[in-house]
Amino acid sequence: MSSHSVAQARNQLSELIDRALKGEDVVITRHGQPVAVLVRPDALRVRRAETALADAARIHALLTEAAATPLPEGTGLTEQRAEELIAEIRAGRDAR
């Protein structure tokens, strides 16, 4: 991964794009702080997919754990409360 100032990037944009196309992440900085990254679109899609899959795996693990843990007697969701929650969700959705 290479790092370039905005001024350097402006002067070398074509070269930096070529480097990104070859798979290198190119960081663009302003006043020494990273503000942008040039990366191939397919690499970005893969990273986003990996993040989504990791999130799904965490949710699955939580649901599996919750399903295996019984609720204490006398607790849980009543039919009336379920209807109230559904109405709240629908009202919020319809308000958009």
PDB file of N, CA and C in Angstrom:
ATOM      1  N   MET A   1       0.858  -1.168   0.000  1.00  0.00           N
ATOM      2  CA  MET A   1       0.000   0.000   0.000  1.00  0.00           C
ATOM      3  C   MET A   1       0.903   1.230   0.000  1.00  0.00           C
ATOM      4  N   SER A   2       0.637   2.129  -0.926  1.00  0.00           N
ATOM      5  CA  SER A   2       1.424   3.357  -0.977  1.00  0.00           C
ATOM      6  C   SER A   2       0.554   4.531  -0.561  1.00  0.00           C
ATOM      7  N   SER A   3       1.209   5.601  -0.166  1.00  0.00           N
ATOM      8  CA  SER A   3       0.513   6.780   0.322  1.00  0.00           C
ATOM      9  C   SER A   3       1.014   7.999  -0.431  1.00  0.00           C
ATOM     10  N   HIS A   4       0.066   8.851  -0.866  1.00  0.00           N
ATOM     11  CA  HIS A   4       0.419  10.033  -1.654  1.00  0.00           C
ATOM     12  C   HIS A   4      -0.443  11.209  -1.210  1.00  0.00           C
ATOM     13  N   SER A   5       0.147  12.393  -1.234  1.00  0.00           N
ATOM     14  CA  SER A   5      -0.629  13.596  -0.910  1.00  0.00           C
ATOM     15  C   SER A   5      -1.590  13.893  -2.051  1.00  0.00           C
ATOM     16  N   VAL A   6      -2.557  14.743  -1.785  1.00  0.00           N
ATOM     17  CA  VAL A   6      -3.520  15.134  -2.821  1.00  0.00           C
ATOM     18  C   VAL A   6      -2.776  15.736  -4.006  1.00  0.00           C
ATOM     19  N   ALA A   7      -1.783  16.586  -3.749  1.00  0.00           N
ATOM     20  CA  ALA A   7      -1.025  17.213  -4.836  1.00  0.00           C
ATOM     21  C   ALA A   7      -0.292  16.159  -5.663  1.00  0.00           C
ATOM     22  N   GLN A   8       0.346  15.198  -4.995  1.00  0.00           N
ATOM     23  CA  GLN A   8       1.030  14.123  -5.724  1.00  0.00           C
ATOM     24  C   GLN A   8       0.030  13.304  -6.534  1.00  0.00           C
ATOM     25  N   ALA A   9      -1.099  12.998  -5.927  1.00  0.00           N
ATOM     26  CA  ALA A   9      -2.111  12.198  -6.613  1.00  0.00           C
ATOM     27  C   ALA A   9      -2.634  12.926  -7.843  1.00  0.00           C
ATOM     28  N   ARG A  10      -2.831  14.218  -7.735  1.00  0.00           N
ATOM     29  CA  ARG A  10      -3.309  15.005  -8.867  1.00  0.00           C
ATOM     30  C   ARG A  10      -2.313  14.919 -10.024  1.00  0.00           C
ATOM     31  N   ASN A  11      -1.027  15.005  -9.701  1.00  0.00           N
ATOM     32  CA  ASN A  11       0.003  14.991 -10.745  1.00  0.00           C
ATOM     33  C   ASN A  11       0.254  13.592 -11.306  1.00  0.00           C
ATOM     34  N   GLN A  12      -0.042  12.558 -10.533  1.00  0.00           N
ATOM     35  CA  GLN A  12       0.272  11.188 -10.944  1.00  0.00           C
ATOM     36  C   GLN A  12      -0.972  10.308 -11.042  1.00  0.00           C
ATOM     37  N   LEU A  13      -2.129  10.899 -11.260  1.00  0.00           N
ATOM     38  CA  LEU A  13      -3.377  10.147 -11.192  1.00  0.00           C
ATOM     39  C   LEU A  13      -3.390   8.941 -12.121  1.00  0.00           C
ATOM     40  N   SER A  14      -2.969   9.107 -13.361  1.00  0.00           N
ATOM     41  CA  SER A  14      -2.992   8.002 -14.302  1.00  0.00           C
ATOM     42  C   SER A  14      -2.127   6.839 -13.810  1.00  0.00           C
ATOM     43  N   GLU A  15      -0.940   7.138 -13.314  1.00  0.00           N
ATOM     44  CA  GLU A  15      -0.041   6.106 -12.783  1.00  0.00           C
ATOM     45  C   GLU A  15      -0.652   5.432 -11.557  1.00  0.00           C
ATOM     46  N   LEU A  16      -1.259   6.214 -10.669  1.00  0.00           N
ATOM     47  CA  LEU A  16      -1.852   5.651  -9.462  1.00  0.00           C
ATOM     48  C   LEU A  16      -3.046   4.749  -9.794  1.00  0.00           C
ATOM     49  N   ILE A  17      -3.819   5.131 -10.796  1.00  0.00           N
ATOM     50  CA  ILE A  17      -4.926   4.286 -11.237  1.00  0.00           C
ATOM     51  C   ILE A  17      -4.398   2.969 -11.786  1.00  0.00           C
ATOM     52  N   ASP A  18      -3.334   3.025 -12.565  1.00  0.00           N
ATOM     53  CA  ASP A  18      -2.724   1.793 -13.082  1.00  0.00           C
ATOM     54  C   ASP A  18      -2.265   0.893 -11.943  1.00  0.00           C
ATOM     55  N   ARG A  19      -1.690   1.483 -10.909  1.00  0.00           N
ATOM     56  CA  ARG A  19      -1.239   0.696  -9.756  1.00  0.00           C
ATOM     57  C   ARG A  19      -2.422   0.051  -9.039  1.00  0.00           C
ATOM     58  N   ALA A  20      -3.505   0.808  -8.914  1.00  0.00           N
ATOM     59  CA  ALA A  20      -4.709   0.261  -8.284  1.00  0.00           C
ATOM     60  C   ALA A  20      -5.269  -0.890  -9.114  1.00  0.00           C
ATOM     61  N   LEU A  21      -5.253  -0.747 -10.424  1.00  0.00           N
ATOM     62  CA  LEU A  21      -5.745  -1.812 -11.297  1.00  0.00           C
ATOM     63  C   LEU A  21      -4.919  -3.088 -11.162  1.00  0.00           C
ATOM     64  N   LYS A  22      -3.660  -2.935 -10.807  1.00  0.00           N
ATOM     65  CA  LYS A  22      -2.784  -4.095 -10.616  1.00  0.00           C
ATOM     66  C   LYS A  22      -2.964  -4.719  -9.229  1.00  0.00           C
ATOM     67  N   GLY A  23      -3.820  -4.127  -8.395  1.00  0.00           N
ATOM     68  CA  GLY A  23      -4.126  -4.705  -7.103  1.00  0.00           C
ATOM     69  C   GLY A  23      -3.571  -3.962  -5.903  1.00  0.00           C
ATOM     70  N   GLU A  24      -2.834  -2.897  -6.128  1.00  0.00           N
ATOM     71  CA  GLU A  24      -2.275  -2.136  -5.004  1.00  0.00           C
ATOM     72  C   GLU A  24      -3.301  -1.143  -4.484  1.00  0.00           C
ATOM     73  N   ASP A  25      -3.447  -1.062  -3.177  1.00  0.00           N
ATOM     74  CA  ASP A  25      -4.278  -0.020  -2.573  1.00  0.00           C
ATOM     75  C   ASP A  25      -3.443   1.247  -2.494  1.00  0.00           C
ATOM     76  N   VAL A  26      -3.982   2.353  -2.992  1.00  0.00           N
ATOM     77  CA  VAL A  26      -3.271   3.627  -3.001  1.00  0.00           C
ATOM     78  C   VAL A  26      -4.015   4.596  -2.087  1.00  0.00           C
ATOM     79  N   VAL A  27      -3.361   5.016  -1.020  1.00  0.00           N
ATOM     80  CA  VAL A  27      -3.961   5.931  -0.055  1.00  0.00           C
ATOM     81  C   VAL A  27      -3.624   7.362  -0.449  1.00  0.00           C
ATOM     82  N   ILE A  28      -4.626   8.220  -0.430  1.00  0.00           N
ATOM     83  CA  ILE A  28      -4.427   9.651  -0.704  1.00  0.00           C
ATOM     84  C   ILE A  28      -4.628  10.391   0.616  1.00  0.00           C
ATOM     85  N   THR A  29      -3.673  11.255   0.928  1.00  0.00           N
ATOM     86  CA  THR A  29      -3.700  11.967   2.206  1.00  0.00           C
ATOM     87  C   THR A  29      -3.842  13.467   1.995  1.00  0.00           C
ATOM     88  N   ARG A  30      -4.372  14.124   3.008  1.00  0.00           N
ATOM     89  CA  ARG A  30      -4.414  15.590   3.053  1.00  0.00           C
ATOM     90  C   ARG A  30      -3.891  15.977   4.422  1.00  0.00           C
ATOM     91  N   HIS A  31      -2.848  16.779   4.436  1.00  0.00           N
ATOM     92  CA  HIS A  31      -2.203  17.195   5.679  1.00  0.00           C
ATOM     93  C   HIS A  31      -1.789  15.974   6.507  1.00  0.00           C
ATOM     94  N   GLY A  32      -1.343  14.923   5.821  1.00  0.00           N
ATOM     95  CA  GLY A  32      -0.853  13.727   6.489  1.00  0.00           C
ATOM     96  C   GLY A  32      -1.913  12.749   6.953  1.00  0.00           C
ATOM     97  N   GLN A  33      -3.192  13.074   6.770  1.00  0.00           N
ATOM     98  CA  GLN A  33      -4.288  12.211   7.203  1.00  0.00           C
ATOM     99  C   GLN A  33      -4.916  11.515   5.990  1.00  0.00           C
ATOM    100  N   PRO A  34      -5.144  10.217   6.050  1.00  0.00           N
ATOM    101  CA  PRO A  34      -5.788   9.520   4.935  1.00  0.00           C
ATOM    102  C   PRO A  34      -7.197  10.065   4.695  1.00  0.00           C
ATOM    103  N   VAL A  35      -7.505  10.346   3.418  1.00  0.00           N
ATOM    104  CA  VAL A  35      -8.832  10.857   3.076  1.00  0.00           C
ATOM    105  C   VAL A  35      -9.519  10.029   1.992  1.00  0.00           C
ATOM    106  N   ALA A  36      -8.746   9.222   1.256  1.00  0.00           N
ATOM    107  CA  ALA A  36      -9.321   8.405   0.188  1.00  0.00           C
ATOM    108  C   ALA A  36      -8.384   7.244  -0.118  1.00  0.00           C
ATOM    109  N   VAL A  37      -8.969   6.218  -0.741  1.00  0.00           N
ATOM    110  CA  VAL A  37      -8.182   5.069  -1.158  1.00  0.00           C
ATOM    111  C   VAL A  37      -8.615   4.682  -2.562  1.00  0.00           C
ATOM    112  N   LEU A  38      -7.640   4.493  -3.442  1.00  0.00           N
ATOM    113  CA  LEU A  38      -7.922   3.952  -4.770  1.00  0.00           C
ATOM    114  C   LEU A  38      -7.782   2.441  -4.672  1.00  0.00           C
ATOM    115  N   VAL A  39      -8.836   1.733  -5.086  1.00  0.00           N
ATOM    116  CA  VAL A  39      -8.831   0.271  -5.028  1.00  0.00           C
ATOM    117  C   VAL A  39      -9.657  -0.248  -6.201  1.00  0.00           C
ATOM    118  N   ARG A  40      -9.284  -1.410  -6.719  1.00  0.00           N
ATOM    119  CA  ARG A  40     -10.040  -2.000  -7.832  1.00  0.00           C
ATOM    120  C   ARG A  40     -11.471  -2.267  -7.395  1.00  0.00           C
ATOM    121  N   PRO A  41     -12.455  -2.031  -8.271  1.00  0.00           N
ATOM    122  CA  PRO A  41     -13.861  -2.261  -7.900  1.00  0.00           C
ATOM    123  C   PRO A  41     -14.139  -3.698  -7.472  1.00  0.00           C
ATOM    124  N   ASP A  42     -13.542  -4.680  -8.145  1.00  0.00           N
ATOM    125  CA  ASP A  42     -13.806  -6.066  -7.769  1.00  0.00           C
ATOM    126  C   ASP A  42     -13.253  -6.379  -6.383  1.00  0.00           C
ATOM    127  N   ALA A  43     -12.134  -5.777  -6.029  1.00  0.00           N
ATOM    128  CA  ALA A  43     -11.572  -5.982  -4.692  1.00  0.00           C
ATOM    129  C   ALA A  43     -12.483  -5.371  -3.635  1.00  0.00           C
ATOM    130  N   LEU A  44     -13.072  -4.233  -3.942  1.00  0.00           N
ATOM    131  CA  LEU A  44     -13.989  -3.585  -3.008  1.00  0.00           C
ATOM    132  C   LEU A  44     -15.234  -4.442  -2.799  1.00  0.00           C
ATOM    133  N   ARG A  45     -15.771  -5.013  -3.886  1.00  0.00           N
ATOM    134  CA  ARG A  45     -16.950  -5.873  -3.770  1.00  0.00           C
ATOM    135  C   ARG A  45     -16.644  -7.090  -2.899  1.00  0.00           C
ATOM    136  N   VAL A  46     -15.464  -7.668  -3.086  1.00  0.00           N
ATOM    137  CA  VAL A  46     -15.082  -8.840  -2.286  1.00  0.00           C
ATOM    138  C   VAL A  46     -15.006  -8.464  -0.815  1.00  0.00           C
ATOM    139  N   ARG A  47     -14.404  -7.312  -0.512  1.00  0.00           N
ATOM    140  CA  ARG A  47     -14.295  -6.881   0.887  1.00  0.00           C
ATOM    141  C   ARG A  47     -15.664  -6.667   1.504  1.00  0.00           C
ATOM    142  N   ARG A  48     -16.567  -6.056   0.742  1.00  0.00           N
ATOM    143  CA  ARG A  48     -17.918  -5.827   1.261  1.00  0.00           C
ATOM    144  C   ARG A  48     -18.641  -7.147   1.481  1.00  0.00           C
ATOM    145  N   ALA A  49     -18.468  -8.090   0.545  1.00  0.00           N
ATOM    146  CA  ALA A  49     -19.106  -9.399   0.684  1.00  0.00           C
ATOM    147  C   ALA A  49     -18.561 -10.130   1.906  1.00  0.00           C
ATOM    148  N   GLU A  50     -17.258 -10.068   2.105  1.00  0.00           N
ATOM    149  CA  GLU A  50     -16.658 -10.730   3.270  1.00  0.00           C
ATOM    150  C   GLU A  50     -17.205 -10.151   4.570  1.00  0.00           C
ATOM    151  N   THR A  51     -17.373  -8.845   4.611  1.00  0.00           N
ATOM    152  CA  THR A  51     -17.923  -8.196   5.805  1.00  0.00           C
ATOM    153  C   THR A  51     -19.365  -8.641   6.031  1.00  0.00           C
ATOM    154  N   ALA A  52     -20.156  -8.682   4.952  1.00  0.00           N
ATOM    155  CA  ALA A  52     -21.555  -9.101   5.081  1.00  0.00           C
ATOM    156  C   ALA A  52     -21.645 -10.552   5.539  1.00  0.00           C
ATOM    157  N   LEU A  53     -20.791 -11.418   5.010  1.00  0.00           N
ATOM    158  CA  LEU A  53     -20.806 -12.824   5.418  1.00  0.00           C
ATOM    159  C   LEU A  53     -20.386 -12.985   6.876  1.00  0.00           C
ATOM    160  N   ALA A  54     -19.408 -12.211   7.304  1.00  0.00           N
ATOM    161  CA  ALA A  54     -18.977 -12.270   8.704  1.00  0.00           C
ATOM    162  C   ALA A  54     -20.104 -11.798   9.623  1.00  0.00           C
ATOM    163  N   ASP A  55     -20.797 -10.729   9.226  1.00  0.00           N
ATOM    164  CA  ASP A  55     -21.937 -10.244  10.016  1.00  0.00           C
ATOM    165  C   ASP A  55     -23.035 -11.308  10.091  1.00  0.00           C
ATOM    166  N   ALA A  56     -23.314 -11.956   8.967  1.00  0.00           N
ATOM    167  CA  ALA A  56     -24.342 -12.995   8.942  1.00  0.00           C
ATOM    168  C   ALA A  56     -23.951 -14.161   9.845  1.00  0.00           C
ATOM    169  N   ALA A  57     -22.677 -14.515   9.846  1.00  0.00           N
ATOM    170  CA  ALA A  57     -22.214 -15.611  10.707  1.00  0.00           C
ATOM    171  C   ALA A  57     -22.379 -15.249  12.181  1.00  0.00           C
ATOM    172  N   ARG A  58     -22.084 -13.989  12.543  1.00  0.00           N
ATOM    173  CA  ARG A  58     -22.257 -13.555  13.935  1.00  0.00           C
ATOM    174  C   ARG A  58     -23.730 -13.588  14.334  1.00  0.00           C
ATOM    175  N   ILE A  59     -24.596 -13.137  13.441  1.00  0.00           N
ATOM    176  CA  ILE A  59     -26.035 -13.152  13.727  1.00  0.00           C
ATOM    177  C   ILE A  59     -26.516 -14.591  13.882  1.00  0.00           C
ATOM    178  N   HIS A  60     -26.056 -15.472  13.011  1.00  0.00           N
ATOM    179  CA  HIS A  60     -26.442 -16.884  13.105  1.00  0.00           C
ATOM    180  C   HIS A  60     -26.016 -17.473  14.454  1.00  0.00           C
ATOM    181  N   ALA A  61     -24.792 -17.163  14.862  1.00  0.00           N
ATOM    182  CA  ALA A  61     -24.303 -17.677  16.148  1.00  0.00           C
ATOM    183  C   ALA A  61     -25.157 -17.161  17.304  1.00  0.00           C
ATOM    184  N   LEU A  62     -25.513 -15.884  17.257  1.00  0.00           N
ATOM    185  CA  LEU A  62     -26.360 -15.313  18.309  1.00  0.00           C
ATOM    186  C   LEU A  62     -27.737 -15.971  18.330  1.00  0.00           C
ATOM    187  N   LEU A  63     -28.312 -16.184  17.150  1.00  0.00           N
ATOM    188  CA  LEU A  63     -29.631 -16.819  17.086  1.00  0.00           C
ATOM    189  C   LEU A  63     -29.578 -18.262  17.579  1.00  0.00           C
ATOM    190  N   THR A  64     -28.522 -18.972  17.215  1.00  0.00           N
ATOM    191  CA  THR A  64     -28.361 -20.353  17.668  1.00  0.00           C
ATOM    192  C   THR A  64     -28.241 -20.404  19.181  1.00  0.00           C
ATOM    193  N   GLU A  65     -27.448 -19.503  19.738  1.00  0.00           N
ATOM    194  CA  GLU A  65     -27.287 -19.435  21.197  1.00  0.00           C
ATOM    195  C   GLU A  65     -28.608 -19.091  21.875  1.00  0.00           C
ATOM    196  N   ALA A  66     -29.330 -18.120  21.305  1.00  0.00           N
ATOM    197  CA  ALA A  66     -30.608 -17.714  21.900  1.00  0.00           C
ATOM    198  C   ALA A  66     -31.624 -18.848  21.828  1.00  0.00           C
ATOM    199  N   ALA A  67     -31.630 -19.586  20.731  1.00  0.00           N
ATOM    200  CA  ALA A  67     -32.587 -20.682  20.582  1.00  0.00           C
ATOM    201  C   ALA A  67     -32.311 -21.797  21.581  1.00  0.00           C
ATOM    202  N   ALA A  68     -31.060 -21.955  21.981  1.00  0.00           N
ATOM    203  CA  ALA A  68     -30.693 -23.016  22.914  1.00  0.00           C
ATOM    204  C   ALA A  68     -30.897 -22.619  24.373  1.00  0.00           C
ATOM    205  N   THR A  69     -31.188 -21.343  24.614  1.00  0.00           N
ATOM    206  CA  THR A  69     -31.352 -20.851  25.976  1.00  0.00           C
ATOM    207  C   THR A  69     -32.842 -20.683  26.273  1.00  0.00           C
ATOM    208  N   PRO A  70     -33.393 -21.500  27.146  1.00  0.00           N
ATOM    209  CA  PRO A  70     -34.828 -21.377  27.449  1.00  0.00           C
ATOM    210  C   PRO A  70     -35.120 -20.107  28.245  1.00  0.00           C
ATOM    211  N   LEU A  71     -36.282 -19.562  28.004  1.00  0.00           N
ATOM    212  CA  LEU A  71     -36.725 -18.389  28.756  1.00  0.00           C
ATOM    213  C   LEU A  71     -37.209 -18.831  30.132  1.00  0.00           C
ATOM    214  N   PRO A  72     -37.049 -17.978  31.132  1.00  0.00           N
ATOM    215  CA  PRO A  72     -37.585 -18.305  32.461  1.00  0.00           C
ATOM    216  C   PRO A  72     -39.110 -18.416  32.384  1.00  0.00           C
ATOM    217  N   GLU A  73     -39.673 -19.235  33.241  1.00  0.00           N
ATOM    218  CA  GLU A  73     -41.124 -19.415  33.279  1.00  0.00           C
ATOM    219  C   GLU A  73     -41.824 -18.072  33.470  1.00  0.00           C
ATOM    220  N   GLY A  74     -42.909 -17.898  32.759  1.00  0.00           N
ATOM    221  CA  GLY A  74     -43.716 -16.699  32.914  1.00  0.00           C
ATOM    222  C   GLY A  74     -43.223 -15.510  32.108  1.00  0.00           C
ATOM    223  N   THR A  75     -42.145 -15.684  31.360  1.00  0.00           N
ATOM    224  CA  THR A  75     -41.672 -14.598  30.513  1.00  0.00           C
ATOM    225  C   THR A  75     -41.898 -14.977  29.062  1.00  0.00           C
ATOM    226  N   GLY A  76     -41.782 -14.029  28.227  1.00  0.00           N
ATOM    227  CA  GLY A  76     -41.961 -14.294  26.808  1.00  0.00           C
ATOM    228  C   GLY A  76     -42.861 -13.244  26.197  1.00  0.00           C
ATOM    229  N   LEU A  77     -43.161 -13.439  24.959  1.00  0.00           N
ATOM    230  CA  LEU A  77     -43.935 -12.482  24.193  1.00  0.00           C
ATOM    231  C   LEU A  77     -45.387 -12.941  24.133  1.00  0.00           C
ATOM    232  N   THR A  78     -46.264 -12.091  24.615  1.00  0.00           N
ATOM    233  CA  THR A  78     -47.685 -12.424  24.540  1.00  0.00           C
ATOM    234  C   THR A  78     -48.195 -12.080  23.148  1.00  0.00           C
ATOM    235  N   GLU A  79     -49.309 -12.646  22.789  1.00  0.00           N
ATOM    236  CA  GLU A  79     -49.896 -12.363  21.483  1.00  0.00           C
ATOM    237  C   GLU A  79     -50.249 -10.879  21.370  1.00  0.00           C
ATOM    238  N   GLN A  80     -50.742 -10.310  22.453  1.00  0.00           N
ATOM    239  CA  GLN A  80     -51.117  -8.885  22.435  1.00  0.00           C
ATOM    240  C   GLN A  80     -49.881  -8.014  22.201  1.00  0.00           C
ATOM    241  N   ARG A  81     -48.784  -8.320  22.899  1.00  0.00           N
ATOM    242  CA  ARG A  81     -47.559  -7.526  22.736  1.00  0.00           C
ATOM    243  C   ARG A  81     -46.996  -7.693  21.327  1.00  0.00           C
ATOM    244  N   ALA A  82     -47.101  -8.891  20.777  1.00  0.00           N
ATOM    245  CA  ALA A  82     -46.634  -9.121  19.406  1.00  0.00           C
ATOM    246  C   ALA A  82     -47.415  -8.250  18.429  1.00  0.00           C
ATOM    247  N   GLU A  83     -48.713  -8.173  18.614  1.00  0.00           N
ATOM    248  CA  GLU A  83     -49.550  -7.336  17.743  1.00  0.00           C
ATOM    249  C   GLU A  83     -49.176  -5.859  17.883  1.00  0.00           C
ATOM    250  N   GLU A  84     -48.889  -5.419  19.107  1.00  0.00           N
ATOM    251  CA  GLU A  84     -48.480  -4.032  19.329  1.00  0.00           C
ATOM    252  C   GLU A  84     -47.172  -3.733  18.597  1.00  0.00           C
ATOM    253  N   LEU A  85     -46.218  -4.649  18.695  1.00  0.00           N
ATOM    254  CA  LEU A  85     -44.924  -4.451  18.025  1.00  0.00           C
ATOM    255  C   LEU A  85     -45.081  -4.411  16.511  1.00  0.00           C
ATOM    256  N   ILE A  86     -45.908  -5.294  15.978  1.00  0.00           N
ATOM    257  CA  ILE A  86     -46.154  -5.301  14.533  1.00  0.00           C
ATOM    258  C   ILE A  86     -46.778  -3.983  14.102  1.00  0.00           C
ATOM    259  N   ALA A  87     -47.713  -3.475  14.871  1.00  0.00           N
ATOM    260  CA  ALA A  87     -48.352  -2.195  14.543  1.00  0.00           C
ATOM    261  C   ALA A  87     -47.338  -1.056  14.565  1.00  0.00           C
ATOM    262  N   GLU A  88     -46.428  -1.061  15.529  1.00  0.00           N
ATOM    263  CA  GLU A  88     -45.386  -0.027  15.597  1.00  0.00           C
ATOM    264  C   GLU A  88     -44.462  -0.094  14.383  1.00  0.00           C
ATOM    265  N   ILE A  89     -44.091  -1.292  13.991  1.00  0.00           N
ATOM    266  CA  ILE A  89     -43.212  -1.459  12.824  1.00  0.00           C
ATOM    267  C   ILE A  89     -43.910  -0.968  11.573  1.00  0.00           C
ATOM    268  N   ARG A  90     -45.163  -1.346  11.400  1.00  0.00           N
ATOM    269  CA  ARG A  90     -45.909  -0.913  10.216  1.00  0.00           C
ATOM    270  C   ARG A  90     -46.070   0.597  10.201  1.00  0.00           C
ATOM    271  N   ALA A  91     -46.340   1.199  11.346  1.00  0.00           N
ATOM    272  CA  ALA A  91     -46.517   2.647  11.418  1.00  0.00           C
ATOM    273  C   ALA A  91     -45.212   3.342  11.036  1.00  0.00           C
ATOM    274  N   GLY A  92     -44.092   2.840  11.523  1.00  0.00           N
ATOM    275  CA  GLY A  92     -42.795   3.429  11.183  1.00  0.00           C
ATOM    276  C   GLY A  92     -42.482   3.283   9.716  1.00  0.00           C
ATOM    277  N   ARG A  93     -42.795   2.116   9.147  1.00  0.00           N
ATOM    278  CA  ARG A  93     -42.555   1.871   7.731  1.00  0.00           C
ATOM    279  C   ARG A  93     -43.432   2.787   6.882  1.00  0.00           C
ATOM    280  N   ASP A  94     -44.687   2.911   7.244  1.00  0.00           N
ATOM    281  CA  ASP A  94     -45.627   3.718   6.455  1.00  0.00           C
ATOM    282  C   ASP A  94     -45.301   5.212   6.546  1.00  0.00           C
ATOM    283  N   ALA A  95     -44.613   5.611   7.616  1.00  0.00           N
ATOM    284  CA  ALA A  95     -44.282   7.027   7.792  1.00  0.00           C
ATOM    285  C   ALA A  95     -43.148   7.464   6.856  1.00  0.00           C
ATOM    286  N   ARG A  96     -42.417   6.512   6.320  1.00  0.00           N
ATOM    287  CA  ARG A  96     -41.293   6.851   5.412  1.00  0.00           C
ATOM    288  C   ARG A  96     -41.741   7.294   4.100  1.00  0.00           C
TER     289      ARG A  96
END
